[in-house]
N, C-alpha and C. Protein backbone atom coordinates (compact mmCIF):
# COMPACT_ATOMS: atom_id res chain seq x y z
N UNK A 1 7.40 -52.20 83.53
CA UNK A 1 5.94 -51.99 83.50
C UNK A 1 5.57 -50.88 82.53
N UNK A 2 6.38 -49.81 82.53
CA UNK A 2 6.07 -48.68 81.64
C UNK A 2 6.10 -49.07 80.18
N UNK A 3 7.18 -49.79 79.74
CA UNK A 3 7.16 -50.19 78.33
C UNK A 3 5.98 -51.08 77.98
N UNK A 4 5.56 -51.94 78.90
CA UNK A 4 4.41 -52.81 78.65
C UNK A 4 3.15 -51.99 78.47
N UNK A 5 3.02 -50.92 79.32
CA UNK A 5 1.85 -50.04 79.22
C UNK A 5 1.84 -49.33 77.86
N UNK A 6 3.02 -48.91 77.40
CA UNK A 6 3.11 -48.24 76.10
C UNK A 6 2.70 -49.20 74.98
N UNK A 7 3.18 -50.45 75.06
CA UNK A 7 2.82 -51.45 74.04
C UNK A 7 1.32 -51.70 74.02
N UNK A 8 0.75 -51.82 75.22
CA UNK A 8 -0.71 -52.06 75.30
C UNK A 8 -1.47 -50.88 74.69
N UNK A 9 -0.99 -49.67 75.02
CA UNK A 9 -1.65 -48.46 74.47
C UNK A 9 -1.56 -48.45 72.93
N UNK A 10 -0.36 -48.82 72.43
CA UNK A 10 -0.19 -48.86 70.98
C UNK A 10 -1.12 -49.88 70.32
N UNK A 11 -1.23 -51.07 70.97
CA UNK A 11 -2.11 -52.11 70.44
C UNK A 11 -3.56 -51.65 70.45
N UNK A 12 -3.95 -51.04 71.57
CA UNK A 12 -5.34 -50.54 71.67
C UNK A 12 -5.61 -49.46 70.61
N UNK A 13 -4.60 -48.59 70.40
CA UNK A 13 -4.76 -47.56 69.38
C UNK A 13 -4.91 -48.17 68.00
N UNK A 14 -4.10 -49.21 67.71
CA UNK A 14 -4.23 -49.89 66.42
C UNK A 14 -5.59 -50.54 66.26
N UNK A 15 -6.07 -51.15 67.36
CA UNK A 15 -7.38 -51.81 67.31
C UNK A 15 -8.48 -50.79 66.98
N UNK A 16 -8.33 -49.58 67.48
CA UNK A 16 -9.33 -48.54 67.22
C UNK A 16 -9.14 -47.91 65.83
N UNK A 17 -7.88 -47.64 65.46
CA UNK A 17 -7.60 -46.88 64.24
C UNK A 17 -7.74 -47.73 62.97
N UNK A 18 -7.26 -48.99 63.01
CA UNK A 18 -7.27 -49.82 61.80
C UNK A 18 -8.67 -49.99 61.18
N UNK A 19 -9.70 -50.30 61.97
CA UNK A 19 -11.04 -50.40 61.36
C UNK A 19 -11.49 -49.08 60.72
N UNK A 20 -11.16 -47.97 61.37
CA UNK A 20 -11.54 -46.67 60.81
C UNK A 20 -10.84 -46.44 59.48
N UNK A 21 -9.54 -46.80 59.41
CA UNK A 21 -8.80 -46.66 58.15
C UNK A 21 -9.40 -47.56 57.08
N UNK A 22 -9.78 -48.78 57.47
CA UNK A 22 -10.38 -49.71 56.52
C UNK A 22 -11.70 -49.16 55.96
N UNK A 23 -12.52 -48.56 56.85
CA UNK A 23 -13.79 -47.97 56.41
C UNK A 23 -13.54 -46.82 55.44
N UNK A 24 -12.58 -45.95 55.78
CA UNK A 24 -12.24 -44.82 54.91
C UNK A 24 -11.74 -45.31 53.55
N UNK A 25 -10.86 -46.34 53.57
CA UNK A 25 -10.33 -46.89 52.31
C UNK A 25 -11.45 -47.47 51.46
N UNK A 26 -12.40 -48.17 52.10
CA UNK A 26 -13.53 -48.75 51.36
C UNK A 26 -14.39 -47.66 50.74
N UNK A 27 -14.61 -46.58 51.52
CA UNK A 27 -15.42 -45.47 50.98
C UNK A 27 -14.71 -44.77 49.83
N UNK A 28 -13.41 -44.59 49.95
CA UNK A 28 -12.65 -43.98 48.86
C UNK A 28 -12.69 -44.85 47.61
N UNK A 29 -12.58 -46.16 47.80
CA UNK A 29 -12.64 -47.08 46.66
C UNK A 29 -14.01 -47.00 45.97
N UNK A 30 -15.08 -46.98 46.79
CA UNK A 30 -16.43 -46.88 46.23
C UNK A 30 -16.62 -45.55 45.50
N UNK A 31 -16.06 -44.48 46.07
CA UNK A 31 -16.15 -43.16 45.45
C UNK A 31 -15.42 -43.13 44.11
N UNK A 32 -14.21 -43.75 44.08
CA UNK A 32 -13.45 -43.82 42.83
C UNK A 32 -14.22 -44.59 41.76
N UNK A 33 -14.85 -45.71 42.17
CA UNK A 33 -15.62 -46.54 41.24
C UNK A 33 -16.82 -45.75 40.70
N UNK A 34 -17.49 -45.02 41.61
CA UNK A 34 -18.65 -44.23 41.19
C UNK A 34 -18.24 -43.12 40.22
N UNK A 35 -17.12 -42.45 40.50
CA UNK A 35 -16.63 -41.40 39.61
C UNK A 35 -16.28 -41.96 38.24
N UNK A 36 -15.67 -43.15 38.23
CA UNK A 36 -15.32 -43.80 36.97
C UNK A 36 -16.58 -44.12 36.16
N UNK A 37 -17.62 -44.65 36.83
CA UNK A 37 -18.88 -44.97 36.16
C UNK A 37 -19.55 -43.70 35.62
N UNK A 38 -19.50 -42.61 36.42
CA UNK A 38 -20.10 -41.36 35.97
C UNK A 38 -19.34 -40.78 34.77
N UNK A 39 -18.00 -40.92 34.79
CA UNK A 39 -17.19 -40.43 33.68
C UNK A 39 -17.52 -41.21 32.40
N UNK A 40 -17.70 -42.53 32.53
CA UNK A 40 -18.04 -43.35 31.36
C UNK A 40 -19.43 -42.99 30.83
N UNK A 41 -20.39 -42.79 31.76
CA UNK A 41 -21.75 -42.42 31.34
C UNK A 41 -21.74 -41.07 30.64
N UNK A 42 -20.96 -40.12 31.15
CA UNK A 42 -20.87 -38.80 30.54
C UNK A 42 -20.23 -38.87 29.16
N UNK A 43 -19.19 -39.70 29.04
CA UNK A 43 -18.53 -39.89 27.74
C UNK A 43 -19.49 -40.50 26.72
N UNK A 44 -20.28 -41.49 27.16
CA UNK A 44 -21.26 -42.12 26.27
C UNK A 44 -22.32 -41.10 25.85
N UNK A 45 -22.80 -40.30 26.81
CA UNK A 45 -23.82 -39.29 26.51
C UNK A 45 -23.29 -38.25 25.53
N UNK A 46 -22.02 -37.85 25.69
CA UNK A 46 -21.41 -36.88 24.78
C UNK A 46 -21.29 -37.45 23.38
N UNK A 47 -20.89 -38.73 23.29
CA UNK A 47 -20.80 -39.38 21.97
C UNK A 47 -22.16 -39.43 21.29
N UNK A 48 -23.21 -39.71 22.08
CA UNK A 48 -24.56 -39.78 21.53
C UNK A 48 -25.02 -38.41 21.04
N UNK A 49 -24.72 -37.36 21.81
CA UNK A 49 -25.07 -35.99 21.40
C UNK A 49 -24.36 -35.62 20.10
N UNK A 50 -23.07 -35.98 20.01
CA UNK A 50 -22.32 -35.70 18.78
C UNK A 50 -22.90 -36.46 17.60
N UNK A 51 -23.30 -37.71 17.83
CA UNK A 51 -23.90 -38.51 16.74
C UNK A 51 -25.21 -37.89 16.28
N UNK A 52 -26.06 -37.51 17.25
CA UNK A 52 -27.36 -36.93 16.90
C UNK A 52 -27.21 -35.57 16.21
N UNK A 53 -26.12 -34.87 16.49
CA UNK A 53 -25.91 -33.56 15.86
C UNK A 53 -25.68 -33.68 14.37
N UNK A 54 -25.18 -34.82 13.91
CA UNK A 54 -24.87 -34.98 12.49
C UNK A 54 -25.69 -36.08 11.80
N UNK A 55 -26.52 -36.79 12.57
CA UNK A 55 -27.30 -37.90 12.00
C UNK A 55 -28.79 -37.66 12.16
N UNK A 56 -29.55 -38.16 11.19
CA UNK A 56 -31.00 -38.11 11.28
C UNK A 56 -31.45 -39.20 12.24
N UNK A 57 -32.25 -38.83 13.21
CA UNK A 57 -32.64 -39.77 14.28
C UNK A 57 -33.44 -40.95 13.75
N UNK A 58 -34.31 -40.72 12.77
CA UNK A 58 -35.18 -41.79 12.26
C UNK A 58 -34.42 -42.76 11.35
N UNK A 59 -33.69 -42.23 10.39
CA UNK A 59 -33.08 -43.09 9.37
C UNK A 59 -31.63 -43.48 9.67
N UNK A 60 -30.95 -42.71 10.53
CA UNK A 60 -29.57 -43.01 10.85
C UNK A 60 -28.55 -42.47 9.85
N UNK A 61 -29.01 -41.89 8.75
CA UNK A 61 -28.08 -41.32 7.77
C UNK A 61 -27.77 -39.87 8.15
N UNK A 62 -26.80 -39.23 7.50
CA UNK A 62 -26.49 -37.83 7.84
C UNK A 62 -27.73 -36.94 7.75
N UNK A 63 -27.74 -35.89 8.57
CA UNK A 63 -28.88 -34.97 8.58
C UNK A 63 -28.57 -33.71 7.76
N UNK A 64 -29.49 -32.79 7.78
CA UNK A 64 -29.38 -31.56 6.98
C UNK A 64 -28.12 -30.76 7.35
N UNK A 65 -27.87 -30.61 8.65
CA UNK A 65 -26.71 -29.85 9.11
C UNK A 65 -25.40 -30.47 8.60
N UNK A 66 -25.33 -31.79 8.69
CA UNK A 66 -24.13 -32.50 8.24
C UNK A 66 -23.93 -32.32 6.73
N UNK A 67 -25.02 -32.45 5.97
CA UNK A 67 -24.93 -32.30 4.51
C UNK A 67 -24.57 -30.87 4.13
N UNK A 68 -25.13 -29.90 4.84
CA UNK A 68 -24.82 -28.50 4.53
C UNK A 68 -23.32 -28.23 4.71
N UNK A 69 -22.75 -28.77 5.78
CA UNK A 69 -21.32 -28.62 6.01
C UNK A 69 -20.52 -29.26 4.87
N UNK A 70 -20.96 -30.45 4.47
CA UNK A 70 -20.27 -31.18 3.39
C UNK A 70 -20.37 -30.43 2.06
N UNK A 71 -21.54 -29.86 1.79
CA UNK A 71 -21.73 -29.09 0.55
C UNK A 71 -20.85 -27.84 0.54
N UNK A 72 -20.81 -27.13 1.67
CA UNK A 72 -19.96 -25.93 1.76
C UNK A 72 -18.50 -26.29 1.50
N UNK A 73 -18.06 -27.39 2.10
CA UNK A 73 -16.67 -27.82 1.93
C UNK A 73 -16.40 -28.23 0.47
N UNK A 74 -17.37 -28.93 -0.13
CA UNK A 74 -17.19 -29.40 -1.52
C UNK A 74 -17.16 -28.23 -2.50
N UNK A 75 -17.97 -27.21 -2.23
CA UNK A 75 -17.95 -26.01 -3.08
C UNK A 75 -16.58 -25.34 -3.00
N UNK A 76 -16.02 -25.28 -1.78
CA UNK A 76 -14.70 -24.68 -1.61
C UNK A 76 -13.63 -25.49 -2.35
N UNK A 77 -13.71 -26.81 -2.26
CA UNK A 77 -12.76 -27.67 -2.98
C UNK A 77 -12.92 -27.53 -4.49
N UNK A 78 -14.17 -27.48 -4.94
CA UNK A 78 -14.45 -27.38 -6.37
C UNK A 78 -13.91 -26.07 -6.93
N UNK A 79 -14.00 -25.00 -6.12
CA UNK A 79 -13.48 -23.71 -6.55
C UNK A 79 -11.96 -23.77 -6.71
N UNK A 80 -11.33 -24.67 -5.97
CA UNK A 80 -9.88 -24.82 -6.07
C UNK A 80 -9.45 -25.77 -7.16
N UNK A 81 -10.39 -26.21 -7.98
CA UNK A 81 -10.06 -27.08 -9.11
C UNK A 81 -10.07 -28.56 -8.77
N UNK A 82 -10.54 -28.91 -7.57
CA UNK A 82 -10.63 -30.32 -7.20
C UNK A 82 -11.81 -30.94 -7.94
N UNK A 83 -11.90 -32.27 -7.93
CA UNK A 83 -12.92 -33.01 -8.69
C UNK A 83 -14.30 -32.37 -8.62
N UNK A 84 -14.99 -32.21 -9.75
CA UNK A 84 -16.35 -31.67 -9.74
C UNK A 84 -17.31 -32.61 -9.02
N UNK A 85 -18.45 -32.09 -8.63
CA UNK A 85 -19.43 -32.93 -7.94
C UNK A 85 -20.84 -32.52 -8.35
N UNK A 86 -21.77 -33.42 -8.08
CA UNK A 86 -23.18 -33.17 -8.36
C UNK A 86 -23.99 -33.38 -7.11
N UNK A 87 -25.16 -32.79 -7.10
CA UNK A 87 -26.13 -33.13 -6.06
C UNK A 87 -27.42 -33.57 -6.74
N UNK A 88 -28.15 -34.41 -6.05
CA UNK A 88 -29.48 -34.80 -6.49
C UNK A 88 -30.43 -34.60 -5.32
N UNK A 89 -31.50 -33.88 -5.56
CA UNK A 89 -32.55 -33.72 -4.56
C UNK A 89 -33.60 -34.77 -4.87
N UNK A 90 -33.82 -35.68 -3.92
CA UNK A 90 -34.76 -36.79 -4.14
C UNK A 90 -35.98 -36.61 -3.25
N UNK A 91 -37.13 -36.84 -3.83
CA UNK A 91 -38.39 -36.66 -3.10
C UNK A 91 -39.27 -37.89 -3.34
N UNK A 92 -39.74 -38.51 -2.24
CA UNK A 92 -40.62 -39.67 -2.38
C UNK A 92 -41.97 -39.19 -2.87
N UNK A 93 -42.44 -39.75 -3.97
CA UNK A 93 -43.69 -39.31 -4.59
C UNK A 93 -44.90 -39.70 -3.74
N UNK A 94 -45.85 -38.77 -3.64
CA UNK A 94 -47.13 -39.00 -2.96
C UNK A 94 -46.94 -39.53 -1.53
N UNK A 95 -45.93 -39.03 -0.85
CA UNK A 95 -45.65 -39.51 0.50
C UNK A 95 -46.76 -39.15 1.47
N UNK A 96 -47.40 -38.01 1.27
CA UNK A 96 -48.50 -37.59 2.14
C UNK A 96 -49.62 -38.64 2.12
N UNK A 97 -49.86 -39.22 0.94
CA UNK A 97 -50.90 -40.25 0.83
C UNK A 97 -50.54 -41.49 1.64
N UNK A 98 -49.25 -41.81 1.71
CA UNK A 98 -48.81 -42.96 2.53
C UNK A 98 -49.15 -42.70 3.99
N UNK A 99 -48.81 -41.50 4.47
CA UNK A 99 -49.12 -41.14 5.86
C UNK A 99 -50.63 -41.12 6.11
N UNK A 100 -51.38 -40.52 5.16
CA UNK A 100 -52.83 -40.40 5.34
C UNK A 100 -53.53 -41.75 5.30
N UNK A 101 -53.11 -42.62 4.37
CA UNK A 101 -53.79 -43.91 4.19
C UNK A 101 -53.32 -44.98 5.17
N UNK A 102 -52.02 -44.99 5.46
CA UNK A 102 -51.45 -46.09 6.25
C UNK A 102 -51.00 -45.69 7.64
N UNK A 103 -50.94 -44.39 7.90
CA UNK A 103 -50.52 -43.91 9.22
C UNK A 103 -49.05 -43.50 9.23
N UNK A 104 -48.69 -42.71 10.24
CA UNK A 104 -47.33 -42.17 10.32
C UNK A 104 -46.29 -43.24 10.62
N UNK A 105 -46.68 -44.29 11.33
CA UNK A 105 -45.72 -45.38 11.60
C UNK A 105 -45.30 -46.04 10.29
N UNK A 106 -46.27 -46.25 9.38
CA UNK A 106 -45.95 -46.82 8.07
C UNK A 106 -45.11 -45.85 7.26
N UNK A 107 -45.41 -44.55 7.38
CA UNK A 107 -44.61 -43.54 6.70
C UNK A 107 -43.17 -43.56 7.18
N UNK A 108 -42.99 -43.70 8.49
CA UNK A 108 -41.62 -43.78 9.04
C UNK A 108 -40.89 -45.00 8.50
N UNK A 109 -41.60 -46.11 8.37
CA UNK A 109 -40.97 -47.33 7.83
C UNK A 109 -40.56 -47.15 6.37
N UNK A 110 -41.38 -46.44 5.62
CA UNK A 110 -41.02 -46.15 4.22
C UNK A 110 -39.75 -45.29 4.17
N UNK A 111 -39.66 -44.29 5.03
CA UNK A 111 -38.47 -43.43 5.06
C UNK A 111 -37.22 -44.23 5.43
N UNK A 112 -37.35 -45.10 6.42
CA UNK A 112 -36.20 -45.92 6.83
C UNK A 112 -35.80 -46.90 5.73
N UNK A 113 -36.81 -47.50 5.10
CA UNK A 113 -36.54 -48.45 4.01
C UNK A 113 -35.89 -47.73 2.83
N UNK A 114 -36.40 -46.54 2.52
CA UNK A 114 -35.82 -45.75 1.43
C UNK A 114 -34.34 -45.47 1.72
N UNK A 115 -34.04 -45.02 2.94
CA UNK A 115 -32.65 -44.69 3.30
C UNK A 115 -31.75 -45.92 3.18
N UNK A 116 -32.23 -47.07 3.65
CA UNK A 116 -31.43 -48.31 3.57
C UNK A 116 -31.19 -48.71 2.12
N UNK A 117 -32.26 -48.73 1.33
CA UNK A 117 -32.15 -49.18 -0.06
C UNK A 117 -31.32 -48.21 -0.90
N UNK A 118 -31.52 -46.92 -0.71
CA UNK A 118 -30.77 -45.93 -1.47
C UNK A 118 -29.28 -46.01 -1.11
N UNK A 119 -28.98 -46.11 0.17
CA UNK A 119 -27.59 -46.18 0.62
C UNK A 119 -26.89 -47.41 0.04
N UNK A 120 -27.63 -48.51 -0.09
CA UNK A 120 -27.04 -49.75 -0.62
C UNK A 120 -26.61 -49.60 -2.08
N UNK A 121 -27.17 -48.62 -2.79
CA UNK A 121 -26.84 -48.42 -4.21
C UNK A 121 -25.71 -47.43 -4.43
N UNK A 122 -25.21 -46.83 -3.36
CA UNK A 122 -24.21 -45.76 -3.51
C UNK A 122 -22.79 -46.31 -3.63
N UNK A 123 -21.94 -45.49 -4.22
CA UNK A 123 -20.51 -45.76 -4.24
C UNK A 123 -19.90 -45.25 -2.93
N UNK A 124 -18.66 -45.61 -2.67
CA UNK A 124 -18.04 -45.25 -1.39
C UNK A 124 -17.99 -43.74 -1.16
N UNK A 125 -17.77 -42.98 -2.21
CA UNK A 125 -17.61 -41.53 -2.05
C UNK A 125 -18.95 -40.77 -2.03
N UNK A 126 -20.06 -41.44 -2.35
CA UNK A 126 -21.37 -40.79 -2.37
C UNK A 126 -21.90 -40.64 -0.95
N UNK A 127 -22.65 -39.57 -0.72
CA UNK A 127 -23.25 -39.34 0.61
C UNK A 127 -24.72 -39.00 0.44
N UNK A 128 -25.57 -39.75 1.15
CA UNK A 128 -27.01 -39.48 1.16
C UNK A 128 -27.38 -38.91 2.52
N UNK A 129 -28.18 -37.85 2.52
CA UNK A 129 -28.63 -37.23 3.77
C UNK A 129 -30.13 -36.98 3.70
N UNK A 130 -30.76 -37.01 4.85
CA UNK A 130 -32.17 -36.63 4.91
C UNK A 130 -32.23 -35.12 5.14
N UNK A 131 -32.85 -34.43 4.18
CA UNK A 131 -32.92 -32.97 4.25
C UNK A 131 -34.08 -32.53 5.13
N UNK A 132 -35.16 -33.31 5.09
CA UNK A 132 -36.34 -32.99 5.89
C UNK A 132 -37.56 -33.66 5.31
N UNK A 133 -38.46 -34.13 6.15
CA UNK A 133 -39.67 -34.80 5.67
C UNK A 133 -39.31 -35.99 4.80
N UNK A 134 -39.87 -36.00 3.56
CA UNK A 134 -39.59 -37.09 2.62
C UNK A 134 -38.56 -36.68 1.59
N UNK A 135 -37.82 -35.61 1.87
CA UNK A 135 -36.83 -35.10 0.93
C UNK A 135 -35.41 -35.48 1.37
N UNK A 136 -34.64 -35.99 0.42
CA UNK A 136 -33.27 -36.42 0.67
C UNK A 136 -32.34 -35.72 -0.31
N UNK A 137 -31.08 -35.63 0.07
CA UNK A 137 -30.07 -35.04 -0.81
C UNK A 137 -28.93 -36.03 -0.97
N UNK A 138 -28.51 -36.18 -2.22
CA UNK A 138 -27.41 -37.07 -2.54
C UNK A 138 -26.28 -36.23 -3.13
N UNK A 139 -25.09 -36.34 -2.55
CA UNK A 139 -23.94 -35.62 -3.09
C UNK A 139 -22.95 -36.64 -3.62
N UNK A 140 -22.52 -36.45 -4.87
CA UNK A 140 -21.66 -37.43 -5.53
C UNK A 140 -20.55 -36.73 -6.30
N UNK A 141 -19.32 -37.20 -6.16
CA UNK A 141 -18.26 -36.67 -7.00
C UNK A 141 -18.43 -37.15 -8.44
N UNK A 142 -17.96 -36.34 -9.38
CA UNK A 142 -18.06 -36.73 -10.79
C UNK A 142 -19.13 -35.96 -11.53
N UNK A 143 -19.35 -36.40 -12.76
CA UNK A 143 -20.28 -35.71 -13.65
C UNK A 143 -21.69 -36.28 -13.64
N UNK A 144 -22.55 -35.68 -14.47
CA UNK A 144 -23.98 -36.02 -14.49
C UNK A 144 -24.25 -37.46 -14.92
N UNK A 145 -23.44 -38.00 -15.82
CA UNK A 145 -23.69 -39.35 -16.32
C UNK A 145 -23.63 -40.39 -15.19
N UNK A 146 -22.59 -40.30 -14.35
CA UNK A 146 -22.45 -41.23 -13.23
C UNK A 146 -23.61 -41.09 -12.26
N UNK A 147 -23.99 -39.85 -12.00
CA UNK A 147 -25.08 -39.59 -11.05
C UNK A 147 -26.39 -40.17 -11.56
N UNK A 148 -26.67 -40.00 -12.84
CA UNK A 148 -27.91 -40.51 -13.42
C UNK A 148 -28.01 -42.02 -13.26
N UNK A 149 -26.88 -42.72 -13.42
CA UNK A 149 -26.90 -44.18 -13.26
C UNK A 149 -27.23 -44.56 -11.82
N UNK A 150 -26.64 -43.84 -10.86
CA UNK A 150 -26.91 -44.13 -9.44
C UNK A 150 -28.38 -43.87 -9.13
N UNK A 151 -28.92 -42.77 -9.64
CA UNK A 151 -30.33 -42.43 -9.39
C UNK A 151 -31.25 -43.50 -9.99
N UNK A 152 -30.91 -43.99 -11.16
CA UNK A 152 -31.72 -45.05 -11.78
C UNK A 152 -31.71 -46.31 -10.92
N UNK A 153 -30.55 -46.67 -10.37
CA UNK A 153 -30.46 -47.85 -9.50
C UNK A 153 -31.30 -47.66 -8.24
N UNK A 154 -31.23 -46.46 -7.68
CA UNK A 154 -32.02 -46.17 -6.48
C UNK A 154 -33.51 -46.29 -6.79
N UNK A 155 -33.94 -45.67 -7.90
CA UNK A 155 -35.35 -45.72 -8.28
C UNK A 155 -35.85 -47.13 -8.47
N UNK A 156 -35.03 -47.97 -9.10
CA UNK A 156 -35.40 -49.37 -9.32
C UNK A 156 -35.52 -50.12 -8.00
N UNK A 157 -34.57 -49.89 -7.09
CA UNK A 157 -34.60 -50.57 -5.80
C UNK A 157 -35.82 -50.15 -4.98
N UNK A 158 -36.17 -48.86 -5.04
CA UNK A 158 -37.33 -48.36 -4.29
C UNK A 158 -38.62 -48.97 -4.83
N UNK A 159 -38.74 -49.02 -6.15
CA UNK A 159 -39.97 -49.56 -6.76
C UNK A 159 -40.20 -51.02 -6.40
N UNK A 160 -39.11 -51.79 -6.26
CA UNK A 160 -39.27 -53.24 -6.09
C UNK A 160 -39.37 -53.70 -4.65
N UNK A 161 -39.43 -52.80 -3.69
CA UNK A 161 -39.56 -53.35 -2.34
C UNK A 161 -39.45 -52.38 -1.20
N UNK A 162 -39.80 -51.12 -1.41
CA UNK A 162 -39.72 -50.16 -0.30
C UNK A 162 -40.87 -50.35 0.68
N UNK A 163 -42.00 -50.86 0.17
CA UNK A 163 -43.17 -51.11 1.04
C UNK A 163 -43.90 -52.34 0.52
N UNK A 164 -44.39 -53.21 1.43
CA UNK A 164 -45.01 -54.46 0.96
C UNK A 164 -46.32 -54.29 0.21
N UNK A 165 -47.08 -53.21 0.50
CA UNK A 165 -48.40 -53.08 -0.14
C UNK A 165 -48.54 -51.83 -0.99
N UNK A 166 -47.59 -50.94 -0.94
CA UNK A 166 -47.70 -49.67 -1.65
C UNK A 166 -46.58 -49.53 -2.66
N UNK A 167 -46.94 -49.09 -3.88
CA UNK A 167 -45.94 -48.87 -4.92
C UNK A 167 -45.29 -47.51 -4.65
N UNK A 168 -44.02 -47.53 -4.27
CA UNK A 168 -43.30 -46.30 -3.92
C UNK A 168 -42.37 -45.91 -5.07
N UNK A 169 -42.43 -44.63 -5.45
CA UNK A 169 -41.51 -44.11 -6.47
C UNK A 169 -40.84 -42.85 -5.92
N UNK A 170 -39.78 -42.45 -6.60
CA UNK A 170 -39.04 -41.27 -6.17
C UNK A 170 -38.73 -40.40 -7.38
N UNK A 171 -38.82 -39.10 -7.21
CA UNK A 171 -38.42 -38.15 -8.26
C UNK A 171 -37.11 -37.51 -7.83
N UNK A 172 -36.29 -37.14 -8.81
CA UNK A 172 -34.98 -36.56 -8.50
C UNK A 172 -34.67 -35.40 -9.42
N UNK A 173 -34.07 -34.38 -8.85
CA UNK A 173 -33.53 -33.26 -9.62
C UNK A 173 -32.04 -33.22 -9.43
N UNK A 174 -31.30 -33.23 -10.53
CA UNK A 174 -29.84 -33.34 -10.47
C UNK A 174 -29.21 -32.07 -11.02
N UNK A 175 -28.13 -31.63 -10.38
CA UNK A 175 -27.38 -30.48 -10.89
C UNK A 175 -25.90 -30.68 -10.58
N UNK A 176 -25.07 -30.34 -11.56
CA UNK A 176 -23.62 -30.40 -11.35
C UNK A 176 -23.12 -29.01 -10.96
N UNK A 177 -22.25 -28.97 -9.97
CA UNK A 177 -21.73 -27.68 -9.50
C UNK A 177 -20.94 -26.98 -10.60
N UNK A 178 -21.22 -25.69 -10.75
CA UNK A 178 -20.52 -24.86 -11.74
C UNK A 178 -19.47 -23.99 -11.03
N UNK A 179 -18.41 -23.62 -11.73
CA UNK A 179 -17.40 -22.75 -11.11
C UNK A 179 -18.02 -21.48 -10.53
N UNK A 180 -17.60 -21.11 -9.35
CA UNK A 180 -18.04 -19.89 -8.64
C UNK A 180 -19.50 -19.93 -8.21
N UNK A 181 -20.14 -21.06 -8.33
CA UNK A 181 -21.54 -21.17 -7.92
C UNK A 181 -21.61 -21.44 -6.42
N UNK A 182 -22.56 -20.79 -5.73
CA UNK A 182 -22.75 -21.02 -4.30
C UNK A 182 -23.59 -22.28 -4.08
N UNK A 183 -23.62 -22.72 -2.85
CA UNK A 183 -24.46 -23.87 -2.50
C UNK A 183 -25.92 -23.56 -2.80
N UNK A 184 -26.36 -22.36 -2.45
CA UNK A 184 -27.77 -22.00 -2.66
C UNK A 184 -28.13 -21.97 -4.15
N UNK A 185 -27.21 -21.50 -4.98
CA UNK A 185 -27.47 -21.48 -6.42
C UNK A 185 -27.53 -22.91 -6.98
N UNK A 186 -26.61 -23.74 -6.53
CA UNK A 186 -26.61 -25.15 -6.94
C UNK A 186 -27.91 -25.82 -6.52
N UNK A 187 -28.29 -25.58 -5.27
CA UNK A 187 -29.52 -26.17 -4.73
C UNK A 187 -30.73 -25.72 -5.53
N UNK A 188 -30.78 -24.45 -5.87
CA UNK A 188 -31.91 -23.90 -6.63
C UNK A 188 -32.06 -24.60 -7.98
N UNK A 189 -30.95 -24.85 -8.67
CA UNK A 189 -31.03 -25.54 -9.97
C UNK A 189 -31.50 -26.98 -9.80
N UNK A 190 -31.01 -27.65 -8.75
CA UNK A 190 -31.44 -29.03 -8.51
C UNK A 190 -32.92 -29.07 -8.15
N UNK A 191 -33.37 -28.07 -7.40
CA UNK A 191 -34.77 -28.00 -6.99
C UNK A 191 -35.69 -27.79 -8.19
N UNK A 192 -35.28 -26.93 -9.11
CA UNK A 192 -36.04 -26.71 -10.35
C UNK A 192 -36.12 -28.01 -11.14
N UNK A 193 -34.99 -28.71 -11.22
CA UNK A 193 -34.97 -30.00 -11.95
C UNK A 193 -35.88 -31.02 -11.27
N UNK A 194 -35.97 -30.97 -9.95
CA UNK A 194 -36.86 -31.88 -9.22
C UNK A 194 -38.32 -31.61 -9.61
N UNK A 195 -38.70 -30.35 -9.63
CA UNK A 195 -40.09 -30.06 -9.97
C UNK A 195 -40.41 -30.39 -11.42
N UNK A 196 -39.44 -30.28 -12.28
CA UNK A 196 -39.65 -30.72 -13.66
C UNK A 196 -39.85 -32.25 -13.71
N UNK A 197 -39.05 -32.96 -12.90
CA UNK A 197 -39.21 -34.42 -12.83
C UNK A 197 -40.56 -34.80 -12.26
N UNK A 198 -41.05 -34.05 -11.28
CA UNK A 198 -42.37 -34.31 -10.71
C UNK A 198 -43.46 -34.17 -11.76
N UNK A 199 -43.31 -33.14 -12.60
CA UNK A 199 -44.31 -32.92 -13.67
C UNK A 199 -44.24 -34.00 -14.73
């Protein structure tokens, strides 16, 4: 009789304990799944933050911070005798009139179209970034002759279809990096050339 009582007690204990274990296991599984989903969401959010840190939100091309880093690095390489490079400061002409006449949404579309069309004309090693507003910076390895050809292609592409109803043009100031020249000095020469092009 005693062994039978022990068996019955064991069975009753299993009947009580097994459902509790099943509930705990289900909750742990749900918790693991939730943690996995949160980890994936956090990873996605971190990737997006990293992308936004180096990309212009409107056009999707590199932003000012990204270009500044690239320019600093290129100046250091150039000082070490690595391939020379040029920059071009590009400014969409009369962009304020586009915003005033057609609205900021149309202005945004012009900026996005400009970025797409200009990028399509670049070589693999060229980098276009939005510096701010309607101003863009193009960094290209090589000398002034190659850069001038790229700028001409960009200008032609912009004129023929950047906006359906407005004739869009771009002015550019180009400067080739000189030995021992800082980024700010290079930028200043390109900026002067831009204003000469505007005139």
